[in-house]
Amino acid sequence: MAKTTPGEFINQVRAEARKVVWPTRQETITTAIFVGVMMLILSVLFLGIDTVFGFIVQWLLSLA
């Protein structure tokens, strides 16, 4: 395998960077809102699961 010179490497990096498709502002906002909503839903779900397990453990400990 031939070694790549620093100049060739920089040119390759620039060529690859030109291929990157950046999201639009609207896509970024939509994605951020989606992530926030999903985070809220999952946090409430895990809070509920944790609360149920907490009650179960408390009940089991009260039996002893």
N, C-alpha and C. Protein backbone atom coordinates (compact mmCIF):
# COMPACT_ATOMS: atom_id res chain seq x y z
N MET A 1 0.84 -1.17 0.00
CA MET A 1 0.00 0.00 0.00
C MET A 1 0.90 1.25 0.00
N ALA A 2 0.61 2.16 -0.91
CA ALA A 2 1.42 3.37 -1.02
C ALA A 2 1.05 4.35 0.09
N LYS A 3 2.05 5.08 0.55
CA LYS A 3 1.80 6.07 1.60
C LYS A 3 1.16 7.31 0.98
N THR A 4 0.29 7.93 1.74
CA THR A 4 -0.38 9.15 1.31
C THR A 4 0.38 10.35 1.86
N THR A 5 0.65 11.32 1.00
CA THR A 5 1.33 12.52 1.47
C THR A 5 0.33 13.39 2.22
N PRO A 6 0.84 14.29 3.07
CA PRO A 6 -0.09 15.18 3.80
C PRO A 6 -0.98 16.00 2.86
N GLY A 7 -0.44 16.45 1.73
CA GLY A 7 -1.24 17.22 0.78
C GLY A 7 -2.37 16.40 0.19
N GLU A 8 -2.07 15.14 -0.18
CA GLU A 8 -3.10 14.25 -0.71
C GLU A 8 -4.17 13.97 0.34
N PHE A 9 -3.70 13.78 1.57
CA PHE A 9 -4.63 13.50 2.67
C PHE A 9 -5.61 14.67 2.85
N ILE A 10 -5.09 15.88 2.85
CA ILE A 10 -5.95 17.07 3.02
C ILE A 10 -6.94 17.17 1.87
N ASN A 11 -6.48 16.89 0.64
CA ASN A 11 -7.38 16.93 -0.51
C ASN A 11 -8.47 15.86 -0.38
N GLN A 12 -8.12 14.69 0.12
CA GLN A 12 -9.11 13.63 0.31
C GLN A 12 -10.13 14.02 1.38
N VAL A 13 -9.64 14.63 2.44
CA VAL A 13 -10.53 15.07 3.51
C VAL A 13 -11.50 16.12 2.98
N ARG A 14 -11.00 17.08 2.20
CA ARG A 14 -11.87 18.11 1.62
C ARG A 14 -12.91 17.49 0.70
N ALA A 15 -12.49 16.52 -0.12
CA ALA A 15 -13.42 15.87 -1.03
C ALA A 15 -14.53 15.15 -0.26
N GLU A 16 -14.16 14.47 0.81
CA GLU A 16 -15.17 13.76 1.61
C GLU A 16 -16.08 14.76 2.34
N ALA A 17 -15.51 15.86 2.82
CA ALA A 17 -16.31 16.86 3.53
C ALA A 17 -17.34 17.48 2.60
N ARG A 18 -17.00 17.62 1.32
CA ARG A 18 -17.97 18.17 0.35
C ARG A 18 -19.15 17.23 0.14
N LYS A 19 -18.98 15.94 0.41
CA LYS A 19 -20.05 14.96 0.23
C LYS A 19 -21.05 14.97 1.38
N VAL A 20 -20.68 15.57 2.50
CA VAL A 20 -21.55 15.57 3.68
C VAL A 20 -22.79 16.42 3.39
N VAL A 21 -23.96 15.84 3.70
CA VAL A 21 -25.21 16.57 3.53
C VAL A 21 -25.67 17.01 4.92
N TRP A 22 -25.60 18.30 5.19
CA TRP A 22 -25.97 18.82 6.50
C TRP A 22 -27.48 18.99 6.57
N PRO A 23 -28.08 18.73 7.72
CA PRO A 23 -29.54 18.91 7.84
C PRO A 23 -29.90 20.38 7.78
N THR A 24 -31.11 20.63 7.31
CA THR A 24 -31.61 22.01 7.27
C THR A 24 -31.98 22.43 8.70
N ARG A 25 -32.22 23.71 8.87
CA ARG A 25 -32.61 24.22 10.18
C ARG A 25 -33.92 23.55 10.64
N GLN A 26 -34.87 23.41 9.70
CA GLN A 26 -36.16 22.80 10.04
C GLN A 26 -35.98 21.34 10.45
N GLU A 27 -35.13 20.59 9.77
CA GLU A 27 -34.88 19.20 10.13
C GLU A 27 -34.25 19.11 11.52
N THR A 28 -33.35 20.03 11.82
CA THR A 28 -32.69 20.03 13.13
C THR A 28 -33.69 20.33 14.24
N ILE A 29 -34.56 21.31 14.00
CA ILE A 29 -35.58 21.66 15.00
C ILE A 29 -36.55 20.50 15.21
N THR A 30 -37.00 19.89 14.10
CA THR A 30 -37.93 18.76 14.19
C THR A 30 -37.30 17.60 14.97
N THR A 31 -36.06 17.30 14.67
CA THR A 31 -35.37 16.21 15.36
C THR A 31 -35.21 16.52 16.85
N ALA A 32 -34.86 17.76 17.17
CA ALA A 32 -34.68 18.14 18.57
C ALA A 32 -36.00 18.03 19.34
N ILE A 33 -37.11 18.43 18.72
CA ILE A 33 -38.41 18.32 19.37
C ILE A 33 -38.77 16.86 19.57
N PHE A 34 -38.52 16.03 18.56
CA PHE A 34 -38.80 14.59 18.67
C PHE A 34 -38.00 13.97 19.80
N VAL A 35 -36.73 14.31 19.90
CA VAL A 35 -35.88 13.77 20.96
C VAL A 35 -36.40 14.22 22.33
N GLY A 36 -36.80 15.48 22.44
CA GLY A 36 -37.34 15.98 23.71
C GLY A 36 -38.61 15.26 24.12
N VAL A 37 -39.52 15.05 23.17
CA VAL A 37 -40.78 14.36 23.46
C VAL A 37 -40.51 12.91 23.87
N MET A 38 -39.63 12.24 23.13
CA MET A 38 -39.32 10.85 23.47
C MET A 38 -38.66 10.75 24.84
N MET A 39 -37.80 11.71 25.16
CA MET A 39 -37.14 11.72 26.47
C MET A 39 -38.18 11.90 27.58
N LEU A 40 -39.14 12.77 27.36
CA LEU A 40 -40.20 12.99 28.34
C LEU A 40 -41.05 11.73 28.53
N ILE A 41 -41.44 11.11 27.42
CA ILE A 41 -42.26 9.89 27.50
C ILE A 41 -41.50 8.79 28.23
N LEU A 42 -40.24 8.57 27.87
CA LEU A 42 -39.47 7.51 28.51
C LEU A 42 -39.20 7.80 29.98
N SER A 43 -38.98 9.07 30.32
CA SER A 43 -38.74 9.38 31.73
C SER A 43 -39.98 9.12 32.58
N VAL A 44 -41.16 9.44 32.05
CA VAL A 44 -42.40 9.16 32.78
C VAL A 44 -42.62 7.65 32.88
N LEU A 45 -42.32 6.92 31.80
CA LEU A 45 -42.45 5.46 31.81
C LEU A 45 -41.55 4.85 32.88
N PHE A 46 -40.27 5.26 32.90
CA PHE A 46 -39.35 4.70 33.88
C PHE A 46 -39.68 5.13 35.30
N LEU A 47 -40.22 6.34 35.46
CA LEU A 47 -40.67 6.77 36.78
C LEU A 47 -41.79 5.86 37.27
N GLY A 48 -42.72 5.54 36.38
CA GLY A 48 -43.82 4.64 36.75
C GLY A 48 -43.32 3.26 37.12
N ILE A 49 -42.42 2.71 36.30
CA ILE A 49 -41.87 1.38 36.58
C ILE A 49 -41.12 1.38 37.91
N ASP A 50 -40.32 2.41 38.14
CA ASP A 50 -39.55 2.51 39.38
C ASP A 50 -40.48 2.62 40.59
N THR A 51 -41.55 3.38 40.45
CA THR A 51 -42.51 3.54 41.55
C THR A 51 -43.19 2.22 41.86
N VAL A 52 -43.60 1.50 40.83
CA VAL A 52 -44.25 0.19 41.04
C VAL A 52 -43.30 -0.77 41.74
N PHE A 53 -42.06 -0.85 41.25
CA PHE A 53 -41.09 -1.75 41.89
C PHE A 53 -40.80 -1.30 43.32
N GLY A 54 -40.79 0.00 43.56
CA GLY A 54 -40.57 0.50 44.92
C GLY A 54 -41.67 0.05 45.86
N PHE A 55 -42.93 0.13 45.40
CA PHE A 55 -44.05 -0.33 46.22
C PHE A 55 -43.96 -1.83 46.47
N ILE A 56 -43.57 -2.58 45.45
CA ILE A 56 -43.45 -4.04 45.61
C ILE A 56 -42.38 -4.37 46.65
N VAL A 57 -41.24 -3.71 46.57
CA VAL A 57 -40.16 -3.97 47.53
C VAL A 57 -40.59 -3.57 48.93
N GLN A 58 -41.26 -2.42 49.06
CA GLN A 58 -41.75 -1.99 50.38
C GLN A 58 -42.72 -3.02 50.95
N TRP A 59 -43.60 -3.52 50.11
CA TRP A 59 -44.59 -4.51 50.56
C TRP A 59 -43.89 -5.81 50.99
N LEU A 60 -42.90 -6.25 50.19
CA LEU A 60 -42.17 -7.47 50.55
C LEU A 60 -41.40 -7.28 51.84
N LEU A 61 -40.81 -6.12 52.05
CA LEU A 61 -40.07 -5.87 53.28
C LEU A 61 -40.99 -5.78 54.49
N SER A 62 -42.22 -5.34 54.28
CA SER A 62 -43.17 -5.27 55.41
C SER A 62 -43.63 -6.65 55.85
N LEU A 63 -43.50 -7.65 54.98
CA LEU A 63 -43.89 -9.02 55.33
C LEU A 63 -42.88 -9.67 56.27
N ALA A 64 -41.64 -9.22 56.22
CA ALA A 64 -40.59 -9.86 57.02
C ALA A 64 -40.63 -9.43 58.47
